[in-house]
Amino acid sequence: MKKLFLTTLLVMAFSTVVFGQEIIELGNSQSMCITGKGVGQDAAKNPYADVNSFAIVENIGANSFSIRVQKEASIIKEIVVNPNETKKVILLKAYELYFDSEKPTKAKVSFEKAKAY
């Protein structure tokens, strides 16, 4: 029984690391750095931060929020994500990803390596 429990626990931990998927709770009037600032400052770990990647963002909450992509202090793109909507956003190397919310909601974010052209 202990082996089954341990195996299940390891599989769950491994799948979280492999897919880099995170659930993030956003509060009232909150801006949150999701990835791009560094260890201890990011809400989610992008396993592909050293190359171009995609962030797959799903709004699993009841209220909309926006995604902000920026490099240093320059805003590159802003996208609204409505409830039950999923957006796929390119993150070039050194880009930062932020979530901005006016009302409480939840988001699921995962990352995917961009294919070279």
C-alpha atoms as a PDB file:
ATOM      1  CA  MET A   1       0.000   0.000   0.000  1.00  0.00           C
ATOM      2  CA  LYS A   2       2.862   2.369   0.814  1.00  0.00           C
ATOM      3  CA  LYS A   3       4.450   1.680  -2.590  1.00  0.00           C
ATOM      4  CA  LEU A   4       1.206   2.534  -4.389  1.00  0.00           C
ATOM      5  CA  PHE A   5       0.844   5.794  -2.461  1.00  0.00           C
ATOM      6  CA  LEU A   6       4.488   6.739  -3.064  1.00  0.00           C
ATOM      7  CA  THR A   7       4.255   5.877  -6.771  1.00  0.00           C
ATOM      8  CA  THR A   8       1.107   7.984  -7.158  1.00  0.00           C
ATOM      9  CA  LEU A   9       2.737  10.879  -5.353  1.00  0.00           C
ATOM     10  CA  LEU A  10       5.847  10.684  -7.564  1.00  0.00           C
ATOM     11  CA  VAL A  11       3.797  10.540 -10.769  1.00  0.00           C
ATOM     12  CA  MET A  12       1.826  13.631  -9.701  1.00  0.00           C
ATOM     13  CA  ALA A  13       5.008  15.529  -8.822  1.00  0.00           C
ATOM     14  CA  PHE A  14       6.709  14.492 -12.073  1.00  0.00           C
ATOM     15  CA  SER A  15       3.771  15.559 -14.237  1.00  0.00           C
ATOM     16  CA  THR A  16       3.733  18.988 -12.578  1.00  0.00           C
ATOM     17  CA  VAL A  17       7.437  19.449 -13.319  1.00  0.00           C
ATOM     18  CA  VAL A  18       7.228  18.143 -16.892  1.00  0.00           C
ATOM     19  CA  PHE A  19       4.274  20.284 -17.910  1.00  0.00           C
ATOM     20  CA  GLY A  20       5.142  23.292 -15.743  1.00  0.00           C
ATOM     21  CA  GLN A  21       1.471  23.844 -15.001  1.00  0.00           C
ATOM     22  CA  GLU A  22       0.399  26.175 -12.229  1.00  0.00           C
ATOM     23  CA  ILE A  23      -2.919  27.373 -10.798  1.00  0.00           C
ATOM     24  CA  ILE A  24      -2.757  31.042  -9.851  1.00  0.00           C
ATOM     25  CA  GLU A  25      -5.307  32.931  -7.755  1.00  0.00           C
ATOM     26  CA  LEU A  26      -5.680  36.623  -8.524  1.00  0.00           C
ATOM     27  CA  GLY A  27      -7.197  39.100  -6.090  1.00  0.00           C
ATOM     28  CA  ASN A  28      -8.975  42.448  -6.414  1.00  0.00           C
ATOM     29  CA  SER A  29      -6.958  45.025  -8.393  1.00  0.00           C
ATOM     30  CA  GLN A  30      -3.876  42.816  -8.462  1.00  0.00           C
ATOM     31  CA  SER A  31      -0.889  42.783 -10.821  1.00  0.00           C
ATOM     32  CA  MET A  32       1.296  39.701 -10.572  1.00  0.00           C
ATOM     33  CA  CYS A  33       4.576  38.836 -12.245  1.00  0.00           C
ATOM     34  CA  ILE A  34       4.022  35.326 -13.530  1.00  0.00           C
ATOM     35  CA  THR A  35       7.430  34.697 -15.067  1.00  0.00           C
ATOM     36  CA  GLY A  36      10.508  36.559 -16.193  1.00  0.00           C
ATOM     37  CA  LYS A  37      11.883  38.303 -13.102  1.00  0.00           C
ATOM     38  CA  GLY A  38      13.768  35.436 -11.492  1.00  0.00           C
ATOM     39  CA  VAL A  39      13.845  32.950  -8.651  1.00  0.00           C
ATOM     40  CA  GLY A  40      11.551  33.949  -5.780  1.00  0.00           C
ATOM     41  CA  GLN A  41       9.841  36.652  -7.837  1.00  0.00           C
ATOM     42  CA  ASP A  42       7.885  34.538 -10.324  1.00  0.00           C
ATOM     43  CA  ALA A  43       4.501  32.970  -9.629  1.00  0.00           C
ATOM     44  CA  ALA A  44       5.192  30.131 -12.092  1.00  0.00           C
ATOM     45  CA  LYS A  45       8.383  28.493 -13.333  1.00  0.00           C
ATOM     46  CA  ASN A  46       8.813  28.597 -17.096  1.00  0.00           C
ATOM     47  CA  PRO A  47      11.060  25.603 -17.825  1.00  0.00           C
ATOM     48  CA  TYR A  48      11.853  27.148 -21.240  1.00  0.00           C
ATOM     49  CA  ALA A  49      12.824  30.650 -20.029  1.00  0.00           C
ATOM     50  CA  ASP A  50      16.239  30.441 -21.729  1.00  0.00           C
ATOM     51  CA  VAL A  51      14.651  30.058 -25.209  1.00  0.00           C
ATOM     52  CA  ASN A  52      11.515  31.250 -26.994  1.00  0.00           C
ATOM     53  CA  SER A  53       8.408  29.616 -25.561  1.00  0.00           C
ATOM     54  CA  PHE A  54       4.631  29.798 -25.344  1.00  0.00           C
ATOM     55  CA  ALA A  55       2.529  30.474 -22.275  1.00  0.00           C
ATOM     56  CA  ILE A  56      -0.855  28.721 -22.417  1.00  0.00           C
ATOM     57  CA  VAL A  57      -3.171  30.682 -20.131  1.00  0.00           C
ATOM     58  CA  GLU A  58      -6.642  29.410 -19.211  1.00  0.00           C
ATOM     59  CA  ASN A  59      -9.110  31.490 -17.204  1.00  0.00           C
ATOM     60  CA  ILE A  60     -10.728  28.992 -14.812  1.00  0.00           C
ATOM     61  CA  GLY A  61     -12.326  31.705 -12.688  1.00  0.00           C
ATOM     62  CA  ALA A  62     -15.548  33.725 -12.901  1.00  0.00           C
ATOM     63  CA  ASN A  63     -14.041  37.100 -13.884  1.00  0.00           C
ATOM     64  CA  SER A  64     -11.890  38.278 -16.772  1.00  0.00           C
ATOM     65  CA  PHE A  65      -8.272  39.422 -16.383  1.00  0.00           C
ATOM     66  CA  SER A  66      -5.566  40.629 -18.727  1.00  0.00           C
ATOM     67  CA  ILE A  67      -2.186  39.271 -19.732  1.00  0.00           C
ATOM     68  CA  ARG A  68       0.650  41.751 -20.120  1.00  0.00           C
ATOM     69  CA  VAL A  69       3.830  40.773 -21.961  1.00  0.00           C
ATOM     70  CA  GLN A  70       6.754  43.115 -21.563  1.00  0.00           C
ATOM     71  CA  LYS A  71      10.500  43.343 -21.911  1.00  0.00           C
ATOM     72  CA  GLU A  72      12.133  45.377 -19.174  1.00  0.00           C
ATOM     73  CA  ALA A  73       9.714  48.336 -18.790  1.00  0.00           C
ATOM     74  CA  SER A  74       8.281  48.272 -22.332  1.00  0.00           C
ATOM     75  CA  ILE A  75       4.848  46.707 -22.812  1.00  0.00           C
ATOM     76  CA  ILE A  76       4.849  44.446 -25.875  1.00  0.00           C
ATOM     77  CA  LYS A  77       1.255  43.186 -25.785  1.00  0.00           C
ATOM     78  CA  GLU A  78      -1.893  43.198 -23.620  1.00  0.00           C
ATOM     79  CA  ILE A  79      -4.602  40.560 -24.019  1.00  0.00           C
ATOM     80  CA  VAL A  80      -7.930  40.145 -22.188  1.00  0.00           C
ATOM     81  CA  VAL A  81      -8.776  36.587 -21.086  1.00  0.00           C
ATOM     82  CA  ASN A  82     -12.477  36.043 -20.389  1.00  0.00           C
ATOM     83  CA  PRO A  83     -13.866  33.246 -18.171  1.00  0.00           C
ATOM     84  CA  ASN A  84     -13.506  29.761 -19.713  1.00  0.00           C
ATOM     85  CA  GLU A  85     -11.169  31.127 -22.389  1.00  0.00           C
ATOM     86  CA  THR A  86      -7.646  29.955 -23.237  1.00  0.00           C
ATOM     87  CA  LYS A  87      -4.943  32.076 -24.867  1.00  0.00           C
ATOM     88  CA  LYS A  88      -1.557  30.995 -26.215  1.00  0.00           C
ATOM     89  CA  VAL A  89       1.051  33.767 -26.017  1.00  0.00           C
ATOM     90  CA  ILE A  90       4.584  33.782 -27.412  1.00  0.00           C
ATOM     91  CA  LEU A  91       7.293  34.629 -24.895  1.00  0.00           C
ATOM     92  CA  LEU A  92      10.560  35.483 -26.544  1.00  0.00           C
ATOM     93  CA  LYS A  93      13.707  35.060 -24.464  1.00  0.00           C
ATOM     94  CA  ALA A  94      13.870  37.788 -21.749  1.00  0.00           C
ATOM     95  CA  TYR A  95      10.136  38.601 -21.999  1.00  0.00           C
ATOM     96  CA  GLU A  96       8.171  38.958 -18.772  1.00  0.00           C
ATOM     97  CA  LEU A  97       4.571  37.780 -18.281  1.00  0.00           C
ATOM     98  CA  TYR A  98       2.156  39.571 -15.944  1.00  0.00           C
ATOM     99  CA  PHE A  99      -1.489  38.990 -15.022  1.00  0.00           C
ATOM    100  CA  ASP A 100      -3.619  42.015 -14.118  1.00  0.00           C
ATOM    101  CA  SER A 101      -7.051  41.624 -12.505  1.00  0.00           C
ATOM    102  CA  GLU A 102      -9.762  43.977 -11.284  1.00  0.00           C
ATOM    103  CA  LYS A 103     -11.849  41.236  -9.624  1.00  0.00           C
ATOM    104  CA  PRO A 104     -10.827  37.923  -8.017  1.00  0.00           C
ATOM    105  CA  THR A 105     -10.355  35.020 -10.422  1.00  0.00           C
ATOM    106  CA  LYS A 106      -8.190  31.957 -11.080  1.00  0.00           C
ATOM    107  CA  ALA A 107      -5.914  31.079 -13.965  1.00  0.00           C
ATOM    108  CA  LYS A 108      -4.061  27.993 -15.076  1.00  0.00           C
ATOM    109  CA  VAL A 109      -0.762  28.575 -16.870  1.00  0.00           C
ATOM    110  CA  SER A 110       1.541  26.092 -18.575  1.00  0.00           C
ATOM    111  CA  PHE A 111       4.511  26.499 -20.876  1.00  0.00           C
ATOM    112  CA  GLU A 112       5.594  24.938 -24.131  1.00  0.00           C
ATOM    113  CA  LYS A 113       8.867  25.254 -25.995  1.00  0.00           C
ATOM    114  CA  ALA A 114       8.554  27.163 -29.282  1.00  0.00           C
ATOM    115  CA  LYS A 115       9.776  25.248 -32.300  1.00  0.00           C
ATOM    116  CA  ALA A 116      12.694  26.752 -34.214  1.00  0.00           C
ATOM    117  CA  TYR A 117      11.887  28.017 -37.694  1.00  0.00           C
END
